[in-house]
Amino acid sequence: AIAGLPLAALRLPEALIAHLHRMGFDRIAD
């Protein structure tokens, strides 16, 4: 149900989400 959703769906801090994006992670499945 959630694998294809963006990382923001995990309710993580914005700074952590930005860091994960820089590492190439965009979706929960990643």
PDB file of all heavy atoms in Angstrom:
ATOM      1  N   ALA A   1       0.807  -1.219   0.000  1.00  0.00           N
ATOM      2  CA  ALA A   1       0.000   0.000   0.000  1.00  0.00           C
ATOM      3  C   ALA A   1       0.839   1.266   0.000  1.00  0.00           C
ATOM      4  O   ALA A   1       0.447   2.284  -0.580  1.00  0.00           O
ATOM      5  CB  ALA A   1      -0.947   0.004   1.204  1.00  0.00           C
ATOM      6  N   ILE A   2       2.000   1.239   0.655  1.00  0.00           N
ATOM      7  CA  ILE A   2       2.769   2.475   0.825  1.00  0.00           C
ATOM      8  C   ILE A   2       4.090   2.500   0.067  1.00  0.00           C
ATOM      9  O   ILE A   2       4.739   3.552   0.008  1.00  0.00           O
ATOM     10  CB  ILE A   2       3.037   2.768   2.314  1.00  0.00           C
ATOM     11  CG1 ILE A   2       4.020   1.740   2.900  1.00  0.00           C
ATOM     12  CG2 ILE A   2       1.734   2.791   3.097  1.00  0.00           C
ATOM     13  CD1 ILE A   2       4.454   2.061   4.331  1.00  0.00           C
ATOM     14  N   ALA A   3       4.496   1.395  -0.527  1.00  0.00           N
ATOM     15  CA  ALA A   3       5.828   1.330  -1.151  1.00  0.00           C
ATOM     16  C   ALA A   3       6.042   2.404  -2.205  1.00  0.00           C
ATOM     17  O   ALA A   3       7.134   2.965  -2.318  1.00  0.00           O
ATOM     18  CB  ALA A   3       6.043  -0.055  -1.763  1.00  0.00           C
ATOM     19  N   GLY A   4       5.026   2.713  -2.986  1.00  0.00           N
ATOM     20  CA  GLY A   4       5.182   3.681  -4.063  1.00  0.00           C
ATOM     21  C   GLY A   4       5.002   5.125  -3.666  1.00  0.00           C
ATOM     22  O   GLY A   4       5.138   6.023  -4.505  1.00  0.00           O
ATOM     23  N   LEU A   5       4.737   5.379  -2.394  1.00  0.00           N
ATOM     24  CA  LEU A   5       4.495   6.748  -1.938  1.00  0.00           C
ATOM     25  C   LEU A   5       5.807   7.498  -1.719  1.00  0.00           C
ATOM     26  O   LEU A   5       6.846   6.893  -1.454  1.00  0.00           O
ATOM     27  CB  LEU A   5       3.685   6.730  -0.641  1.00  0.00           C
ATOM     28  CG  LEU A   5       2.298   6.094  -0.719  1.00  0.00           C
ATOM     29  CD1 LEU A   5       1.625   6.143   0.641  1.00  0.00           C
ATOM     30  CD2 LEU A   5       1.441   6.785  -1.766  1.00  0.00           C
ATOM     31  N   PRO A   6       5.774   8.833  -1.794  1.00  0.00           N
ATOM     32  CA  PRO A   6       6.987   9.623  -1.552  1.00  0.00           C
ATOM     33  C   PRO A   6       7.417   9.541  -0.095  1.00  0.00           C
ATOM     34  O   PRO A   6       6.620   9.213   0.792  1.00  0.00           O
ATOM     35  CB  PRO A   6       6.561  11.047  -1.929  1.00  0.00           C
ATOM     36  CG  PRO A   6       5.079  11.054  -1.767  1.00  0.00           C
ATOM     37  CD  PRO A   6       4.619   9.684  -2.158  1.00  0.00           C
ATOM     38  N   LEU A   7       8.668   9.855   0.161  1.00  0.00           N
ATOM     39  CA  LEU A   7       9.202   9.776   1.515  1.00  0.00           C
ATOM     40  C   LEU A   7       8.454  10.671   2.497  1.00  0.00           C
ATOM     41  O   LEU A   7       8.407  10.389   3.696  1.00  0.00           O
ATOM     42  CB  LEU A   7      10.682  10.142   1.517  1.00  0.00           C
ATOM     43  CG  LEU A   7      11.606   9.185   0.765  1.00  0.00           C
ATOM     44  CD1 LEU A   7      13.031   9.727   0.781  1.00  0.00           C
ATOM     45  CD2 LEU A   7      11.554   7.789   1.374  1.00  0.00           C
ATOM     46  N   ALA A   8       7.868  11.749   2.005  1.00  0.00           N
ATOM     47  CA  ALA A   8       7.120  12.646   2.886  1.00  0.00           C
ATOM     48  C   ALA A   8       5.986  11.927   3.599  1.00  0.00           C
ATOM     49  O   ALA A   8       5.541  12.356   4.669  1.00  0.00           O
ATOM     50  CB  ALA A   8       6.572  13.824   2.082  1.00  0.00           C
ATOM     51  N   ALA A   9       5.502  10.824   3.028  1.00  0.00           N
ATOM     52  CA  ALA A   9       4.414  10.071   3.644  1.00  0.00           C
ATOM     53  C   ALA A   9       4.837   9.428   4.958  1.00  0.00           C
ATOM     54  O   ALA A   9       3.999   9.013   5.750  1.00  0.00           O
ATOM     55  CB  ALA A   9       3.914   8.998   2.680  1.00  0.00           C
ATOM     56  N   LEU A  10       6.152   9.348   5.203  1.00  0.00           N
ATOM     57  CA  LEU A  10       6.650   8.756   6.444  1.00  0.00           C
ATOM     58  C   LEU A  10       6.651   9.751   7.599  1.00  0.00           C
ATOM     59  O   LEU A  10       7.003   9.400   8.721  1.00  0.00           O
ATOM     60  CB  LEU A  10       8.069   8.218   6.234  1.00  0.00           C
ATOM     61  CG  LEU A  10       8.190   7.036   5.270  1.00  0.00           C
ATOM     62  CD1 LEU A  10       9.658   6.682   5.068  1.00  0.00           C
ATOM     63  CD2 LEU A  10       7.420   5.826   5.792  1.00  0.00           C
ATOM     64  N   ARG A  11       6.305  11.004   7.325  1.00  0.00           N
ATOM     65  CA  ARG A  11       6.240  12.041   8.368  1.00  0.00           C
ATOM     66  C   ARG A  11       7.614  12.287   8.995  1.00  0.00           C
ATOM     67  O   ARG A  11       7.723  12.563  10.185  1.00  0.00           O
ATOM     68  CB  ARG A  11       5.209  11.665   9.435  1.00  0.00           C
ATOM     69  CG  ARG A  11       3.791  11.596   8.914  1.00  0.00           C
ATOM     70  CD  ARG A  11       2.830  10.979   9.925  1.00  0.00           C
ATOM     71  NE  ARG A  11       3.069   9.556  10.074  1.00  0.00           N
ATOM     72  CZ  ARG A  11       3.327   8.957  11.233  1.00  0.00           C
ATOM     73  NH1 ARG A  11       3.379   9.655  12.339  1.00  0.00           N
ATOM     74  NH2 ARG A  11       3.540   7.660  11.276  1.00  0.00           N
ATOM     75  N   LEU A  12       8.648  12.193   8.177  1.00  0.00           N
ATOM     76  CA  LEU A  12      10.010  12.449   8.644  1.00  0.00           C
ATOM     77  C   LEU A  12      10.301  13.951   8.641  1.00  0.00           C
ATOM     78  O   LEU A  12       9.652  14.716   7.913  1.00  0.00           O
ATOM     79  CB  LEU A  12      11.014  11.745   7.731  1.00  0.00           C
ATOM     80  CG  LEU A  12      10.917  10.224   7.641  1.00  0.00           C
ATOM     81  CD1 LEU A  12      11.834   9.713   6.538  1.00  0.00           C
ATOM     82  CD2 LEU A  12      11.261   9.583   8.968  1.00  0.00           C
ATOM     83  N   PRO A  13      11.281  14.409   9.399  1.00  0.00           N
ATOM     84  CA  PRO A  13      11.679  15.824   9.352  1.00  0.00           C
ATOM     85  C   PRO A  13      12.105  16.212   7.933  1.00  0.00           C
ATOM     86  O   PRO A  13      12.710  15.408   7.210  1.00  0.00           O
ATOM     87  CB  PRO A  13      12.862  15.896  10.325  1.00  0.00           C
ATOM     88  CG  PRO A  13      12.657  14.735  11.256  1.00  0.00           C
ATOM     89  CD  PRO A  13      12.041  13.653  10.420  1.00  0.00           C
ATOM     90  N   GLU A  14      11.780  17.437   7.543  1.00  0.00           N
ATOM     91  CA  GLU A  14      12.083  17.883   6.185  1.00  0.00           C
ATOM     92  C   GLU A  14      13.580  17.792   5.875  1.00  0.00           C
ATOM     93  O   GLU A  14      13.955  17.452   4.746  1.00  0.00           O
ATOM     94  CB  GLU A  14      11.591  19.317   5.998  1.00  0.00           C
ATOM     95  CG  GLU A  14      10.068  19.441   5.977  1.00  0.00           C
ATOM     96  CD  GLU A  14       9.613  20.842   5.665  1.00  0.00           C
ATOM     97  OE1 GLU A  14      10.485  21.686   5.337  1.00  0.00           O
ATOM     98  OE2 GLU A  14       8.404  21.108   5.732  1.00  0.00           O
ATOM     99  N   ALA A  15      14.415  18.090   6.849  1.00  0.00           N
ATOM    100  CA  ALA A  15      15.863  18.036   6.615  1.00  0.00           C
ATOM    101  C   ALA A  15      16.310  16.606   6.297  1.00  0.00           C
ATOM    102  O   ALA A  15      17.168  16.393   5.437  1.00  0.00           O
ATOM    103  CB  ALA A  15      16.611  18.563   7.840  1.00  0.00           C
ATOM    104  N   LEU A  16      15.716  15.633   6.979  1.00  0.00           N
ATOM    105  CA  LEU A  16      16.076  14.241   6.722  1.00  0.00           C
ATOM    106  C   LEU A  16      15.588  13.799   5.343  1.00  0.00           C
ATOM    107  O   LEU A  16      16.307  13.094   4.620  1.00  0.00           O
ATOM    108  CB  LEU A  16      15.480  13.339   7.805  1.00  0.00           C
ATOM    109  CG  LEU A  16      15.729  11.829   7.631  1.00  0.00           C
ATOM    110  CD1 LEU A  16      17.210  11.528   7.504  1.00  0.00           C
ATOM    111  CD2 LEU A  16      15.117  11.071   8.813  1.00  0.00           C
ATOM    112  N   ILE A  17      14.399  14.225   4.975  1.00  0.00           N
ATOM    113  CA  ILE A  17      13.875  13.892   3.648  1.00  0.00           C
ATOM    114  C   ILE A  17      14.766  14.482   2.563  1.00  0.00           C
ATOM    115  O   ILE A  17      15.101  13.815   1.571  1.00  0.00           O
ATOM    116  CB  ILE A  17      12.430  14.395   3.493  1.00  0.00           C
ATOM    117  CG1 ILE A  17      11.494  13.613   4.423  1.00  0.00           C
ATOM    118  CG2 ILE A  17      11.954  14.266   2.041  1.00  0.00           C
ATOM    119  CD1 ILE A  17      10.069  14.110   4.412  1.00  0.00           C
ATOM    120  N   ALA A  18      15.184  15.738   2.749  1.00  0.00           N
ATOM    121  CA  ALA A  18      16.078  16.374   1.776  1.00  0.00           C
ATOM    122  C   ALA A  18      17.398  15.610   1.666  1.00  0.00           C
ATOM    123  O   ALA A  18      17.942  15.427   0.573  1.00  0.00           O
ATOM    124  CB  ALA A  18      16.335  17.827   2.175  1.00  0.00           C
ATOM    125  N   HIS A  19      17.919  15.158   2.802  1.00  0.00           N
ATOM    126  CA  HIS A  19      19.172  14.385   2.808  1.00  0.00           C
ATOM    127  C   HIS A  19      18.994  13.075   2.053  1.00  0.00           C
ATOM    128  O   HIS A  19      19.862  12.682   1.249  1.00  0.00           O
ATOM    129  CB  HIS A  19      19.593  14.116   4.248  1.00  0.00           C
ATOM    130  CG  HIS A  19      20.834  13.282   4.372  1.00  0.00           C
ATOM    131  ND1 HIS A  19      22.079  13.728   3.976  1.00  0.00           N
ATOM    132  CD2 HIS A  19      21.015  12.013   4.841  1.00  0.00           C
ATOM    133  CE1 HIS A  19      22.974  12.781   4.191  1.00  0.00           C
ATOM    134  NE2 HIS A  19      22.356  11.729   4.709  1.00  0.00           N
ATOM    135  N   LEU A  20      17.871  12.391   2.280  1.00  0.00           N
ATOM    136  CA  LEU A  20      17.607  11.128   1.582  1.00  0.00           C
ATOM    137  C   LEU A  20      17.449  11.353   0.081  1.00  0.00           C
ATOM    138  O   LEU A  20      17.895  10.528  -0.729  1.00  0.00           O
ATOM    139  CB  LEU A  20      16.362  10.465   2.169  1.00  0.00           C
ATOM    140  CG  LEU A  20      16.519   9.906   3.591  1.00  0.00           C
ATOM    141  CD1 LEU A  20      15.166   9.499   4.155  1.00  0.00           C
ATOM    142  CD2 LEU A  20      17.485   8.728   3.596  1.00  0.00           C
ATOM    143  N   HIS A  21      16.828  12.454  -0.296  1.00  0.00           N
ATOM    144  CA  HIS A  21      16.708  12.781  -1.725  1.00  0.00           C
ATOM    145  C   HIS A  21      18.084  12.938  -2.363  1.00  0.00           C
ATOM    146  O   HIS A  21      18.313  12.461  -3.487  1.00  0.00           O
ATOM    147  CB  HIS A  21      15.888  14.058  -1.915  1.00  0.00           C
ATOM    148  CG  HIS A  21      14.411  13.878  -1.739  1.00  0.00           C
ATOM    149  ND1 HIS A  21      13.752  12.748  -2.143  1.00  0.00           N
ATOM    150  CD2 HIS A  21      13.464  14.708  -1.220  1.00  0.00           C
ATOM    151  CE1 HIS A  21      12.452  12.870  -1.874  1.00  0.00           C
ATOM    152  NE2 HIS A  21      12.266  14.046  -1.307  1.00  0.00           N
ATOM    153  N   ARG A  22      18.981  13.610  -1.644  1.00  0.00           N
ATOM    154  CA  ARG A  22      20.333  13.802  -2.182  1.00  0.00           C
ATOM    155  C   ARG A  22      21.067  12.467  -2.339  1.00  0.00           C
ATOM    156  O   ARG A  22      21.950  12.338  -3.187  1.00  0.00           O
ATOM    157  CB  ARG A  22      21.128  14.744  -1.266  1.00  0.00           C
ATOM    158  CG  ARG A  22      20.680  16.190  -1.327  1.00  0.00           C
ATOM    159  CD  ARG A  22      21.691  17.112  -0.677  1.00  0.00           C
ATOM    160  NE  ARG A  22      21.808  16.876   0.753  1.00  0.00           N
ATOM    161  CZ  ARG A  22      21.060  17.470   1.675  1.00  0.00           C
ATOM    162  NH1 ARG A  22      20.127  18.359   1.314  1.00  0.00           N
ATOM    163  NH2 ARG A  22      21.242  17.207   2.957  1.00  0.00           N
ATOM    164  N   MET A  23      20.675  11.497  -1.549  1.00  0.00           N
ATOM    165  CA  MET A  23      21.285  10.170  -1.644  1.00  0.00           C
ATOM    166  C   MET A  23      20.623   9.305  -2.718  1.00  0.00           C
ATOM    167  O   MET A  23      21.041   8.167  -2.942  1.00  0.00           O
ATOM    168  CB  MET A  23      21.190   9.467  -0.286  1.00  0.00           C
ATOM    169  CG  MET A  23      21.995  10.134   0.818  1.00  0.00           C
ATOM    170  SD  MET A  23      21.757   9.309   2.422  1.00  0.00           S
ATOM    171  CE  MET A  23      22.445   7.684   2.065  1.00  0.00           C
ATOM    172  N   GLY A  24      19.595   9.848  -3.354  1.00  0.00           N
ATOM    173  CA  GLY A  24      18.938   9.121  -4.430  1.00  0.00           C
ATOM    174  C   GLY A  24      17.702   8.339  -4.030  1.00  0.00           C
ATOM    175  O   GLY A  24      17.170   7.553  -4.818  1.00  0.00           O
ATOM    176  N   PHE A  25      17.213   8.571  -2.807  1.00  0.00           N
ATOM    177  CA  PHE A  25      16.017   7.885  -2.346  1.00  0.00           C
ATOM    178  C   PHE A  25      14.809   8.813  -2.508  1.00  0.00           C
ATOM    179  O   PHE A  25      14.802   9.920  -1.971  1.00  0.00           O
ATOM    180  CB  PHE A  25      16.140   7.480  -0.876  1.00  0.00           C
ATOM    181  CG  PHE A  25      17.309   6.574  -0.600  1.00  0.00           C
ATOM    182  CD1 PHE A  25      18.233   6.897   0.379  1.00  0.00           C
ATOM    183  CD2 PHE A  25      17.482   5.409  -1.322  1.00  0.00           C
ATOM    184  CE1 PHE A  25      19.314   6.074   0.643  1.00  0.00           C
ATOM    185  CE2 PHE A  25      18.562   4.568  -1.074  1.00  0.00           C
ATOM    186  CZ  PHE A  25      19.480   4.904  -0.091  1.00  0.00           C
ATOM    187  N   ASP A  26      13.796   8.358  -3.229  1.00  0.00           N
ATOM    188  CA  ASP A  26      12.619   9.182  -3.466  1.00  0.00           C
ATOM    189  C   ASP A  26      11.322   8.572  -2.942  1.00  0.00           C
ATOM    190  O   ASP A  26      10.401   9.293  -2.575  1.00  0.00           O
ATOM    191  CB  ASP A  26      12.456   9.442  -4.968  1.00  0.00           C
ATOM    192  CG  ASP A  26      13.618  10.231  -5.540  1.00  0.00           C
ATOM    193  OD1 ASP A  26      13.981  11.260  -4.935  1.00  0.00           O
ATOM    194  OD2 ASP A  26      14.156   9.822  -6.580  1.00  0.00           O
ATOM    195  N   ARG A  27      11.236   7.259  -2.942  1.00  0.00           N
ATOM    196  CA  ARG A  27      10.015   6.562  -2.539  1.00  0.00           C
ATOM    197  C   ARG A  27      10.269   5.703  -1.306  1.00  0.00           C
ATOM    198  O   ARG A  27      11.406   5.341  -1.000  1.00  0.00           O
ATOM    199  CB  ARG A  27       9.516   5.665  -3.683  1.00  0.00           C
ATOM    200  CG  ARG A  27       9.235   6.427  -4.967  1.00  0.00           C
ATOM    201  CD  ARG A  27       7.968   7.217  -4.863  1.00  0.00           C
ATOM    202  NE  ARG A  27       7.764   8.100  -6.009  1.00  0.00           N
ATOM    203  CZ  ARG A  27       6.692   8.877  -6.167  1.00  0.00           C
ATOM    204  NH1 ARG A  27       5.746   8.877  -5.262  1.00  0.00           N
ATOM    205  NH2 ARG A  27       6.582   9.666  -7.210  1.00  0.00           N
ATOM    206  N   ILE A  28       9.178   5.369  -0.622  1.00  0.00           N
ATOM    207  CA  ILE A  28       9.303   4.533   0.562  1.00  0.00           C
ATOM    208  C   ILE A  28       9.979   3.211   0.219  1.00  0.00           C
ATOM    209  O   ILE A  28      10.791   2.689   0.989  1.00  0.00           O
ATOM    210  CB  ILE A  28       7.925   4.306   1.208  1.00  0.00           C
ATOM    211  CG1 ILE A  28       7.392   5.629   1.781  1.00  0.00           C
ATOM    212  CG2 ILE A  28       7.982   3.245   2.287  1.00  0.00           C
ATOM    213  CD1 ILE A  28       6.005   5.547   2.355  1.00  0.00           C
ATOM    214  N   ALA A  29       9.657   2.668  -0.956  1.00  0.00           N
ATOM    215  CA  ALA A  29      10.261   1.398  -1.372  1.00  0.00           C
ATOM    216  C   ALA A  29      11.783   1.486  -1.446  1.00  0.00           C
ATOM    217  O   ALA A  29      12.482   0.476  -1.279  1.00  0.00           O
ATOM    218  CB  ALA A  29       9.691   0.973  -2.723  1.00  0.00           C
ATOM    219  N   ASP A  30      12.317   2.687  -1.689  1.00  0.00           N
ATOM    220  CA  ASP A  30      13.764   2.852  -1.811  1.00  0.00           C
ATOM    221  C   ASP A  30      14.489   2.639  -0.482  1.00  0.00           C
ATOM    222  O   ASP A  30      15.671   2.279  -0.466  1.00  0.00           O
ATOM    223  CB  ASP A  30      14.097   4.248  -2.344  1.00  0.00           C
ATOM    224  CG  ASP A  30      13.544   4.490  -3.737  1.00  0.00           C
ATOM    225  OD1 ASP A  30      13.321   3.509  -4.457  1.00  0.00           O
ATOM    226  OD2 ASP A  30      13.341   5.672  -4.083  1.00  0.00           O
TER     227      ASP A  30
END
